[in-house]
Amino acid sequence: MSDACSTCSQKEGCSGESCPGMPENKHNIRNVIAVMSGKGGVGKSSVTAMLAVALRNEGFKVGIMDADVTGPSIPRLFGLHGRLKNGEKGIQPAKTRSGIEVISLNLLLPNEDEPVIWRGPVISGVVKQFWTDVEWGELDYMLVDLPPGTGDVPLTVMQTLPLNGIIVVTTPQSLVTMIVKKAIHMADRMNIPVIGLVENYTYVHCPDCDKRIELFGHDNTEEATGKMGVPLLGQLPLDPEFAAYSDRGEIENYFEEKTDVNETVANVARLISKKYRNEVQ
């Protein structure tokens, strides 16, 4: 019995061959990858959205589950509004301009600014329903945008969804690196592979001299990832243009521009697709 099993509420009914707490995988979803962070404010949702666009641009069928129930931001990044409708087999996810399927609580609320004042078990139940009650189409990749930390929702996702792996988002600060280790150790205890780290806000280019400025000081993430035994997938600069596109809900249009951000994200997407090549054929 793994550490994941030891915290499961239905462990007494487990035969060792199947998990009674695992929702039925009735979907044709080939790979499920969670994106998590040890703390908030590191750009986790932005990285999730960018990876989805980059994988879609590679020709894959992609979906996003916005599991950050109390702080959903995925719909805003893609300019998605309005309430979702029920189909014959469940809730129909929204689709972005390029065809990425999205489920988020913000697309189910009467008003986008309606607060979600729920306790952990209720939120975890909603995340399970995002898997069981949504009419997902055929997907090569589903990206799960987790809330920050190592609480109820990340635990629920790791225990109940068929995760292929986890990507951890961080920033170049010693404090953040310490917290990232907690996320990595959680994944290890749940027996979920850590695909690697994406470092956000690594630097900014001076618009006048094109000098690379490290806003958070000298970067030691690559050294830290080596000690943690996980690869550094890419380092993303802080780009004001990306913030402008995000605020307008036009993140897909941002990828039509040639920038350091989308080139790096495209490389990460290619690394992921190469890793799971057999699963998407």
C-alpha atoms as a PDB file:
ATOM      1  CA  MET A   1       0.000   0.000   0.000  1.00  0.00           C
ATOM      2  CA  SER A   2       1.440   3.379  -1.053  1.00  0.00           C
ATOM      3  CA  ASP A   3       1.353   6.618   0.930  1.00  0.00           C
ATOM      4  CA  ALA A   4      -1.445   7.719  -1.385  1.00  0.00           C
ATOM      5  CA  CYS A   5      -3.506   4.692  -0.332  1.00  0.00           C
ATOM      6  CA  SER A   6      -2.856   5.267   3.362  1.00  0.00           C
ATOM      7  CA  THR A   7      -4.696   8.623   3.254  1.00  0.00           C
ATOM      8  CA  CYS A   8      -7.622   7.396   1.143  1.00  0.00           C
ATOM      9  CA  SER A   9     -11.039   7.342   2.815  1.00  0.00           C
ATOM     10  CA  GLN A  10     -11.911   4.108   0.985  1.00  0.00           C
ATOM     11  CA  LYS A  11      -8.724   2.175   1.683  1.00  0.00           C
ATOM     12  CA  GLU A  12     -10.610  -0.484   3.677  1.00  0.00           C
ATOM     13  CA  GLY A  13     -12.456  -1.587   0.530  1.00  0.00           C
ATOM     14  CA  CYS A  14      -9.360  -1.768  -1.646  1.00  0.00           C
ATOM     15  CA  SER A  15      -8.439  -5.226  -2.949  1.00  0.00           C
ATOM     16  CA  GLY A  16      -5.045  -4.155  -4.219  1.00  0.00           C
ATOM     17  CA  GLU A  17      -6.140  -4.708  -7.819  1.00  0.00           C
ATOM     18  CA  SER A  18      -8.446  -1.709  -8.220  1.00  0.00           C
ATOM     19  CA  CYS A  19      -9.126   1.443  -6.268  1.00  0.00           C
ATOM     20  CA  PRO A  20     -12.713   2.057  -5.123  1.00  0.00           C
ATOM     21  CA  GLY A  21     -11.886   5.741  -4.673  1.00  0.00           C
ATOM     22  CA  MET A  22     -10.747   6.161  -8.286  1.00  0.00           C
ATOM     23  CA  PRO A  23     -13.429   7.616 -10.601  1.00  0.00           C
ATOM     24  CA  GLU A  24     -14.094   5.482 -13.653  1.00  0.00           C
ATOM     25  CA  ASN A  25     -11.920   6.478 -16.621  1.00  0.00           C
ATOM     26  CA  LYS A  26     -14.688   6.578 -19.211  1.00  0.00           C
ATOM     27  CA  HIS A  27     -12.903   9.171 -21.308  1.00  0.00           C
ATOM     28  CA  ASN A  28     -10.523   8.808 -24.206  1.00  0.00           C
ATOM     29  CA  ILE A  29      -7.835  10.950 -22.571  1.00  0.00           C
ATOM     30  CA  ARG A  30      -4.351   9.623 -23.251  1.00  0.00           C
ATOM     31  CA  ASN A  31      -2.255  11.727 -20.877  1.00  0.00           C
ATOM     32  CA  VAL A  32      -3.163  13.661 -17.726  1.00  0.00           C
ATOM     33  CA  ILE A  33      -0.542  16.111 -16.453  1.00  0.00           C
ATOM     34  CA  ALA A  34      -0.973  18.280 -13.356  1.00  0.00           C
ATOM     35  CA  VAL A  35       0.686  21.677 -13.015  1.00  0.00           C
ATOM     36  CA  MET A  36       1.353  22.661  -9.409  1.00  0.00           C
ATOM     37  CA  SER A  37       3.364  25.052  -7.275  1.00  0.00           C
ATOM     38  CA  GLY A  38       4.382  25.161  -3.668  1.00  0.00           C
ATOM     39  CA  LYS A  39       2.980  28.675  -3.258  1.00  0.00           C
ATOM     40  CA  GLY A  40       0.777  31.161  -5.046  1.00  0.00           C
ATOM     41  CA  GLY A  41       1.839  34.007  -7.292  1.00  0.00           C
ATOM     42  CA  VAL A  42       4.422  32.135  -9.351  1.00  0.00           C
ATOM     43  CA  GLY A  43       2.398  32.101 -12.594  1.00  0.00           C
ATOM     44  CA  LYS A  44       1.160  28.506 -12.420  1.00  0.00           C
ATOM     45  CA  SER A  45      -2.097  29.147 -14.296  1.00  0.00           C
ATOM     46  CA  SER A  46      -0.274  31.169 -16.947  1.00  0.00           C
ATOM     47  CA  VAL A  47       2.190  28.333 -17.498  1.00  0.00           C
ATOM     48  CA  THR A  48      -0.703  25.852 -17.702  1.00  0.00           C
ATOM     49  CA  ALA A  49      -2.458  27.967 -20.325  1.00  0.00           C
ATOM     50  CA  MET A  50       0.722  28.540 -22.320  1.00  0.00           C
ATOM     51  CA  LEU A  51       1.592  24.836 -22.340  1.00  0.00           C
ATOM     52  CA  ALA A  52      -1.923  24.038 -23.535  1.00  0.00           C
ATOM     53  CA  VAL A  53      -1.580  26.495 -26.431  1.00  0.00           C
ATOM     54  CA  ALA A  54       1.887  25.215 -27.312  1.00  0.00           C
ATOM     55  CA  LEU A  55       0.717  21.581 -27.332  1.00  0.00           C
ATOM     56  CA  ARG A  56      -2.284  22.580 -29.439  1.00  0.00           C
ATOM     57  CA  ASN A  57       0.044  24.330 -31.878  1.00  0.00           C
ATOM     58  CA  GLU A  58       1.958  21.045 -32.155  1.00  0.00           C
ATOM     59  CA  GLY A  59      -1.247  19.469 -33.448  1.00  0.00           C
ATOM     60  CA  PHE A  60      -2.441  17.723 -30.284  1.00  0.00           C
ATOM     61  CA  LYS A  61      -5.970  17.672 -28.872  1.00  0.00           C
ATOM     62  CA  VAL A  62      -5.781  19.425 -25.508  1.00  0.00           C
ATOM     63  CA  GLY A  63      -8.040  20.128 -22.537  1.00  0.00           C
ATOM     64  CA  ILE A  64      -7.617  22.071 -19.294  1.00  0.00           C
ATOM     65  CA  MET A  65      -9.230  21.231 -15.976  1.00  0.00           C
ATOM     66  CA  ASP A  66      -9.148  24.340 -13.804  1.00  0.00           C
ATOM     67  CA  ALA A  67      -8.902  22.657 -10.400  1.00  0.00           C
ATOM     68  CA  ASP A  68      -8.105  25.938  -8.644  1.00  0.00           C
ATOM     69  CA  VAL A  69     -11.750  26.138  -7.606  1.00  0.00           C
ATOM     70  CA  THR A  70     -11.536  29.131  -5.252  1.00  0.00           C
ATOM     71  CA  GLY A  71      -9.246  31.142  -7.526  1.00  0.00           C
ATOM     72  CA  PRO A  72     -10.045  30.163 -11.128  1.00  0.00           C
ATOM     73  CA  SER A  73      -8.248  32.207 -13.767  1.00  0.00           C
ATOM     74  CA  ILE A  74      -8.015  29.948 -16.823  1.00  0.00           C
ATOM     75  CA  PRO A  75     -11.241  31.264 -18.464  1.00  0.00           C
ATOM     76  CA  ARG A  76     -10.066  34.866 -18.214  1.00  0.00           C
ATOM     77  CA  LEU A  77      -6.748  34.032 -19.897  1.00  0.00           C
ATOM     78  CA  PHE A  78      -8.640  32.632 -22.894  1.00  0.00           C
ATOM     79  CA  GLY A  79     -11.440  35.197 -22.912  1.00  0.00           C
ATOM     80  CA  LEU A  80     -14.099  32.606 -22.040  1.00  0.00           C
ATOM     81  CA  HIS A  81     -17.350  33.851 -20.506  1.00  0.00           C
ATOM     82  CA  GLY A  82     -20.884  32.618 -19.926  1.00  0.00           C
ATOM     83  CA  ARG A  83     -22.265  29.459 -18.379  1.00  0.00           C
ATOM     84  CA  LEU A  84     -21.696  25.941 -19.685  1.00  0.00           C
ATOM     85  CA  LYS A  85     -24.518  23.730 -20.916  1.00  0.00           C
ATOM     86  CA  ASN A  86     -25.384  20.098 -20.262  1.00  0.00           C
ATOM     87  CA  GLY A  87     -24.978  17.601 -23.078  1.00  0.00           C
ATOM     88  CA  GLU A  88     -26.243  14.044 -23.446  1.00  0.00           C
ATOM     89  CA  LYS A  89     -23.336  12.611 -21.445  1.00  0.00           C
ATOM     90  CA  GLY A  90     -22.574  15.461 -19.064  1.00  0.00           C
ATOM     91  CA  ILE A  91     -21.433  19.059 -18.938  1.00  0.00           C
ATOM     92  CA  GLN A  92     -20.070  20.325 -22.223  1.00  0.00           C
ATOM     93  CA  PRO A  93     -16.708  22.045 -21.722  1.00  0.00           C
ATOM     94  CA  ALA A  94     -16.056  25.439 -23.232  1.00  0.00           C
ATOM     95  CA  LYS A  95     -13.786  25.636 -26.255  1.00  0.00           C
ATOM     96  CA  THR A  96     -11.181  28.296 -26.908  1.00  0.00           C
ATOM     97  CA  ARG A  97     -10.580  29.882 -30.294  1.00  0.00           C
ATOM     98  CA  SER A  98      -8.048  27.171 -31.203  1.00  0.00           C
ATOM     99  CA  GLY A  99     -10.188  24.320 -29.874  1.00  0.00           C
ATOM    100  CA  ILE A 100      -8.770  23.738 -26.371  1.00  0.00           C
ATOM    101  CA  GLU A 101     -11.476  22.277 -24.109  1.00  0.00           C
ATOM    102  CA  VAL A 102     -11.837  23.999 -20.720  1.00  0.00           C
ATOM    103  CA  ILE A 103     -13.780  23.289 -17.534  1.00  0.00           C
ATOM    104  CA  SER A 104     -13.730  25.802 -14.691  1.00  0.00           C
ATOM    105  CA  LEU A 105     -16.062  26.694 -11.864  1.00  0.00           C
ATOM    106  CA  ASN A 106     -16.126  30.268 -13.166  1.00  0.00           C
ATOM    107  CA  LEU A 107     -17.977  28.921 -16.213  1.00  0.00           C
ATOM    108  CA  LEU A 108     -20.644  27.412 -13.957  1.00  0.00           C
ATOM    109  CA  LEU A 109     -21.309  30.369 -11.637  1.00  0.00           C
ATOM    110  CA  PRO A 110     -24.042  32.976 -12.266  1.00  0.00           C
ATOM    111  CA  ASN A 111     -21.420  35.722 -11.977  1.00  0.00           C
ATOM    112  CA  GLU A 112     -17.666  35.530 -12.530  1.00  0.00           C
ATOM    113  CA  ASP A 113     -16.938  37.490  -9.358  1.00  0.00           C
ATOM    114  CA  GLU A 114     -19.125  35.246  -7.179  1.00  0.00           C
ATOM    115  CA  PRO A 115     -16.962  34.007  -4.260  1.00  0.00           C
ATOM    116  CA  VAL A 116     -16.657  30.290  -3.597  1.00  0.00           C
ATOM    117  CA  ILE A 117     -16.937  29.903   0.171  1.00  0.00           C
ATOM    118  CA  TRP A 118     -16.709  26.135   0.489  1.00  0.00           C
ATOM    119  CA  ARG A 119     -14.823  23.781   2.765  1.00  0.00           C
ATOM    120  CA  GLY A 120     -12.188  21.387   1.486  1.00  0.00           C
ATOM    121  CA  PRO A 121     -14.323  18.228   1.069  1.00  0.00           C
ATOM    122  CA  VAL A 122     -16.887  20.091  -1.073  1.00  0.00           C
ATOM    123  CA  ILE A 123     -14.156  21.566  -3.272  1.00  0.00           C
ATOM    124  CA  SER A 124     -12.542  18.139  -3.661  1.00  0.00           C
ATOM    125  CA  GLY A 125     -15.908  16.709  -4.678  1.00  0.00           C
ATOM    126  CA  VAL A 126     -16.266  19.354  -7.390  1.00  0.00           C
ATOM    127  CA  VAL A 127     -12.832  18.474  -8.777  1.00  0.00           C
ATOM    128  CA  LYS A 128     -13.853  14.808  -8.992  1.00  0.00           C
ATOM    129  CA  GLN A 129     -17.001  15.873 -10.867  1.00  0.00           C
ATOM    130  CA  PHE A 130     -14.865  17.822 -13.313  1.00  0.00           C
ATOM    131  CA  TRP A 131     -13.507  14.410 -14.284  1.00  0.00           C
ATOM    132  CA  THR A 132     -16.627  12.256 -14.071  1.00  0.00           C
ATOM    133  CA  ASP A 133     -19.436  14.632 -15.112  1.00  0.00           C
ATOM    134  CA  VAL A 134     -17.851  16.519 -18.013  1.00  0.00           C
ATOM    135  CA  GLU A 135     -18.295  15.416 -21.605  1.00  0.00           C
ATOM    136  CA  TRP A 136     -14.632  15.485 -22.501  1.00  0.00           C
ATOM    137  CA  GLY A 137     -13.826  14.707 -26.081  1.00  0.00           C
ATOM    138  CA  GLU A 138     -10.888  12.687 -27.316  1.00  0.00           C
ATOM    139  CA  LEU A 139      -7.777  14.318 -25.872  1.00  0.00           C
ATOM    140  CA  ASP A 140      -4.071  13.700 -26.260  1.00  0.00           C
ATOM    141  CA  TYR A 141      -3.342  15.817 -23.180  1.00  0.00           C
ATOM    142  CA  MET A 142      -5.359  17.077 -20.258  1.00  0.00           C
ATOM    143  CA  LEU A 143      -3.592  19.692 -18.127  1.00  0.00           C
ATOM    144  CA  VAL A 144      -4.864  20.060 -14.564  1.00  0.00           C
ATOM    145  CA  ASP A 145      -4.265  23.505 -13.069  1.00  0.00           C
ATOM    146  CA  LEU A 146      -3.917  22.835  -9.334  1.00  0.00           C
ATOM    147  CA  PRO A 147      -4.274  25.409  -6.553  1.00  0.00           C
ATOM    148  CA  PRO A 148      -1.028  26.334  -4.776  1.00  0.00           C
ATOM    149  CA  GLY A 149       0.240  24.264  -1.887  1.00  0.00           C
ATOM    150  CA  THR A 150      -0.142  20.645  -0.874  1.00  0.00           C
ATOM    151  CA  GLY A 151      -3.699  20.675   0.491  1.00  0.00           C
ATOM    152  CA  ASP A 152      -6.989  18.938  -0.223  1.00  0.00           C
ATOM    153  CA  VAL A 153      -7.266  19.475  -3.976  1.00  0.00           C
ATOM    154  CA  PRO A 154      -3.723  18.409  -4.961  1.00  0.00           C
ATOM    155  CA  LEU A 155      -4.161  15.367  -2.716  1.00  0.00           C
ATOM    156  CA  THR A 156      -7.530  14.544  -4.304  1.00  0.00           C
ATOM    157  CA  VAL A 157      -6.144  14.891  -7.830  1.00  0.00           C
ATOM    158  CA  MET A 158      -3.122  12.720  -7.065  1.00  0.00           C
ATOM    159  CA  GLN A 159      -5.297  10.052  -5.466  1.00  0.00           C
ATOM    160  CA  THR A 160      -8.188   9.948  -7.919  1.00  0.00           C
ATOM    161  CA  LEU A 161      -7.041  11.016 -11.389  1.00  0.00           C
ATOM    162  CA  PRO A 162      -4.845   8.831 -13.631  1.00  0.00           C
ATOM    163  CA  LEU A 163      -1.910  11.247 -13.619  1.00  0.00           C
ATOM    164  CA  ASN A 164       1.027  10.572 -15.903  1.00  0.00           C
ATOM    165  CA  GLY A 165       3.132  13.192 -14.180  1.00  0.00           C
ATOM    166  CA  ILE A 166       3.445  16.626 -12.593  1.00  0.00           C
ATOM    167  CA  ILE A 167       5.103  19.847 -13.700  1.00  0.00           C
ATOM    168  CA  VAL A 168       6.135  22.191 -10.894  1.00  0.00           C
ATOM    169  CA  VAL A 169       6.276  25.958 -11.452  1.00  0.00           C
ATOM    170  CA  THR A 170       8.692  28.061  -9.448  1.00  0.00           C
ATOM    171  CA  THR A 171      10.488  31.419  -9.403  1.00  0.00           C
ATOM    172  CA  PRO A 172      14.208  32.098  -8.786  1.00  0.00           C
ATOM    173  CA  GLN A 173      14.070  32.746  -5.043  1.00  0.00           C
ATOM    174  CA  SER A 174      15.534  30.628  -2.256  1.00  0.00           C
ATOM    175  CA  LEU A 175      12.291  30.784  -0.260  1.00  0.00           C
ATOM    176  CA  VAL A 176      10.262  29.532  -3.225  1.00  0.00           C
ATOM    177  CA  THR A 177      12.775  26.779  -3.897  1.00  0.00           C
ATOM    178  CA  MET A 178      12.343  25.522  -0.328  1.00  0.00           C
ATOM    179  CA  ILE A 179       8.564  25.409  -0.776  1.00  0.00           C
ATOM    180  CA  VAL A 180       8.898  23.718  -4.177  1.00  0.00           C
ATOM    181  CA  LYS A 181      10.705  20.865  -2.449  1.00  0.00           C
ATOM    182  CA  LYS A 182       7.549  20.255  -0.422  1.00  0.00           C
ATOM    183  CA  ALA A 183       5.530  19.854  -3.646  1.00  0.00           C
ATOM    184  CA  ILE A 184       8.122  17.480  -5.085  1.00  0.00           C
ATOM    185  CA  HIS A 185       8.226  15.412  -1.900  1.00  0.00           C
ATOM    186  CA  MET A 186       4.417  15.224  -1.942  1.00  0.00           C
ATOM    187  CA  ALA A 187       4.466  13.886  -5.496  1.00  0.00           C
ATOM    188  CA  ASP A 188       7.120  11.340  -4.523  1.00  0.00           C
ATOM    189  CA  ARG A 189       5.008  10.098  -1.609  1.00  0.00           C
ATOM    190  CA  MET A 190       1.993   9.792  -3.915  1.00  0.00           C
ATOM    191  CA  ASN A 191       4.129   7.850  -6.419  1.00  0.00           C
ATOM    192  CA  ILE A 192       3.506  10.461  -9.124  1.00  0.00           C
ATOM    193  CA  PRO A 193       6.461  11.184 -11.443  1.00  0.00           C
ATOM    194  CA  VAL A 194       7.741  14.765 -11.499  1.00  0.00           C
ATOM    195  CA  ILE A 195       8.315  15.617 -15.162  1.00  0.00           C
ATOM    196  CA  GLY A 196      10.356  18.683 -14.258  1.00  0.00           C
ATOM    197  CA  LEU A 197      10.346  22.333 -13.202  1.00  0.00           C
ATOM    198  CA  VAL A 198       9.439  25.444 -15.149  1.00  0.00           C
ATOM    199  CA  GLU A 199      10.973  28.592 -13.706  1.00  0.00           C
ATOM    200  CA  ASN A 200       8.938  31.757 -14.215  1.00  0.00           C
ATOM    201  CA  TYR A 201       9.997  35.416 -13.929  1.00  0.00           C
ATOM    202  CA  THR A 202      13.659  34.459 -14.364  1.00  0.00           C
ATOM    203  CA  TYR A 203      14.659  37.760 -15.968  1.00  0.00           C
ATOM    204  CA  VAL A 204      13.397  40.754 -17.933  1.00  0.00           C
ATOM    205  CA  HIS A 205      14.898  42.336 -21.032  1.00  0.00           C
ATOM    206  CA  CYS A 206      15.651  46.050 -20.800  1.00  0.00           C
ATOM    207  CA  PRO A 207      13.691  47.645 -23.678  1.00  0.00           C
ATOM    208  CA  ASP A 208      16.449  50.204 -24.298  1.00  0.00           C
ATOM    209  CA  CYS A 209      19.700  48.229 -24.016  1.00  0.00           C
ATOM    210  CA  ASP A 210      18.333  44.652 -24.314  1.00  0.00           C
ATOM    211  CA  LYS A 211      20.290  43.761 -21.193  1.00  0.00           C
ATOM    212  CA  ARG A 212      19.080  40.713 -19.264  1.00  0.00           C
ATOM    213  CA  ILE A 213      18.098  41.825 -15.755  1.00  0.00           C
ATOM    214  CA  GLU A 214      17.578  39.190 -13.052  1.00  0.00           C
ATOM    215  CA  LEU A 215      14.892  40.812 -10.914  1.00  0.00           C
ATOM    216  CA  PHE A 216      15.129  38.267  -8.103  1.00  0.00           C
ATOM    217  CA  GLY A 217      18.897  38.106  -7.960  1.00  0.00           C
ATOM    218  CA  HIS A 218      21.265  35.434  -9.203  1.00  0.00           C
ATOM    219  CA  ASP A 219      19.438  32.334 -10.378  1.00  0.00           C
ATOM    220  CA  ASN A 220      20.329  29.087  -8.581  1.00  0.00           C
ATOM    221  CA  THR A 221      17.396  26.972  -9.780  1.00  0.00           C
ATOM    222  CA  GLU A 222      19.427  24.763 -12.095  1.00  0.00           C
ATOM    223  CA  GLU A 223      21.769  23.866  -9.225  1.00  0.00           C
ATOM    224  CA  ALA A 224      18.780  23.267  -6.938  1.00  0.00           C
ATOM    225  CA  THR A 225      16.994  21.015  -9.442  1.00  0.00           C
ATOM    226  CA  GLY A 226      20.129  18.943  -9.780  1.00  0.00           C
ATOM    227  CA  LYS A 227      20.155  18.367  -6.037  1.00  0.00           C
ATOM    228  CA  MET A 228      16.437  17.496  -6.101  1.00  0.00           C
ATOM    229  CA  GLY A 229      16.923  15.050  -8.950  1.00  0.00           C
ATOM    230  CA  VAL A 230      14.407  16.687 -11.320  1.00  0.00           C
ATOM    231  CA  PRO A 231      15.141  18.393 -14.653  1.00  0.00           C
ATOM    232  CA  LEU A 232      14.744  22.099 -15.324  1.00  0.00           C
ATOM    233  CA  LEU A 233      12.452  22.191 -18.363  1.00  0.00           C
ATOM    234  CA  GLY A 234      12.715  25.893 -19.097  1.00  0.00           C
ATOM    235  CA  GLN A 235      13.130  29.431 -17.775  1.00  0.00           C
ATOM    236  CA  LEU A 236      10.591  32.114 -18.677  1.00  0.00           C
ATOM    237  CA  PRO A 237      11.254  35.859 -18.657  1.00  0.00           C
ATOM    238  CA  LEU A 238       8.816  38.452 -17.389  1.00  0.00           C
ATOM    239  CA  ASP A 239       7.184  39.938 -20.487  1.00  0.00           C
ATOM    240  CA  PRO A 240       4.786  42.921 -20.144  1.00  0.00           C
ATOM    241  CA  GLU A 241       3.284  42.006 -23.522  1.00  0.00           C
ATOM    242  CA  PHE A 242       2.208  38.636 -22.173  1.00  0.00           C
ATOM    243  CA  ALA A 243       0.409  40.371 -19.301  1.00  0.00           C
ATOM    244  CA  ALA A 244      -1.388  42.616 -21.775  1.00  0.00           C
ATOM    245  CA  TYR A 245      -2.544  39.700 -23.921  1.00  0.00           C
ATOM    246  CA  SER A 246      -3.653  37.805 -20.798  1.00  0.00           C
ATOM    247  CA  ASP A 247      -5.689  40.733 -19.506  1.00  0.00           C
ATOM    248  CA  ARG A 248      -7.484  40.880 -22.862  1.00  0.00           C
ATOM    249  CA  GLY A 249      -8.143  37.137 -22.849  1.00  0.00           C
ATOM    250  CA  GLU A 250      -6.018  36.714 -25.970  1.00  0.00           C
ATOM    251  CA  ILE A 251      -3.307  34.355 -24.776  1.00  0.00           C
ATOM    252  CA  GLU A 252      -3.609  32.329 -27.988  1.00  0.00           C
ATOM    253  CA  ASN A 253      -2.865  35.445 -30.054  1.00  0.00           C
ATOM    254  CA  TYR A 254       0.287  36.025 -28.005  1.00  0.00           C
ATOM    255  CA  PHE A 255       1.723  32.841 -29.483  1.00  0.00           C
ATOM    256  CA  GLU A 256       1.527  34.346 -32.943  1.00  0.00           C
ATOM    257  CA  GLU A 257       4.359  36.661 -31.870  1.00  0.00           C
ATOM    258  CA  LYS A 258       7.981  35.564 -31.693  1.00  0.00           C
ATOM    259  CA  THR A 259       9.107  36.041 -28.086  1.00  0.00           C
ATOM    260  CA  ASP A 260      11.473  34.390 -25.618  1.00  0.00           C
ATOM    261  CA  VAL A 261       8.446  33.249 -23.610  1.00  0.00           C
ATOM    262  CA  ASN A 262       6.584  31.347 -26.284  1.00  0.00           C
ATOM    263  CA  GLU A 263       9.764  29.902 -27.800  1.00  0.00           C
ATOM    264  CA  THR A 264      10.715  28.480 -24.387  1.00  0.00           C
ATOM    265  CA  VAL A 265       7.200  27.149 -23.755  1.00  0.00           C
ATOM    266  CA  ALA A 266       7.151  25.570 -27.217  1.00  0.00           C
ATOM    267  CA  ASN A 267      10.388  23.760 -26.359  1.00  0.00           C
ATOM    268  CA  VAL A 268       8.850  22.484 -23.102  1.00  0.00           C
ATOM    269  CA  ALA A 269       5.789  21.283 -25.039  1.00  0.00           C
ATOM    270  CA  ARG A 270       8.022  19.391 -27.450  1.00  0.00           C
ATOM    271  CA  LEU A 271       9.866  17.779 -24.532  1.00  0.00           C
ATOM    272  CA  ILE A 272       6.536  16.625 -23.100  1.00  0.00           C
ATOM    273  CA  SER A 273       5.263  15.307 -26.427  1.00  0.00           C
ATOM    274  CA  LYS A 274       8.525  13.430 -26.964  1.00  0.00           C
ATOM    275  CA  LYS A 275       8.277  11.889 -23.483  1.00  0.00           C
ATOM    276  CA  TYR A 276       4.742  10.644 -24.110  1.00  0.00           C
ATOM    277  CA  ARG A 277       5.079   9.964 -27.829  1.00  0.00           C
ATOM    278  CA  ASN A 278       3.849   6.363 -27.625  1.00  0.00           C
ATOM    279  CA  GLU A 279       0.732   7.374 -25.654  1.00  0.00           C
ATOM    280  CA  VAL A 280      -0.558   9.779 -28.331  1.00  0.00           C
ATOM    281  CA  GLN A 281      -0.115   7.605 -31.406  1.00  0.00           C
END
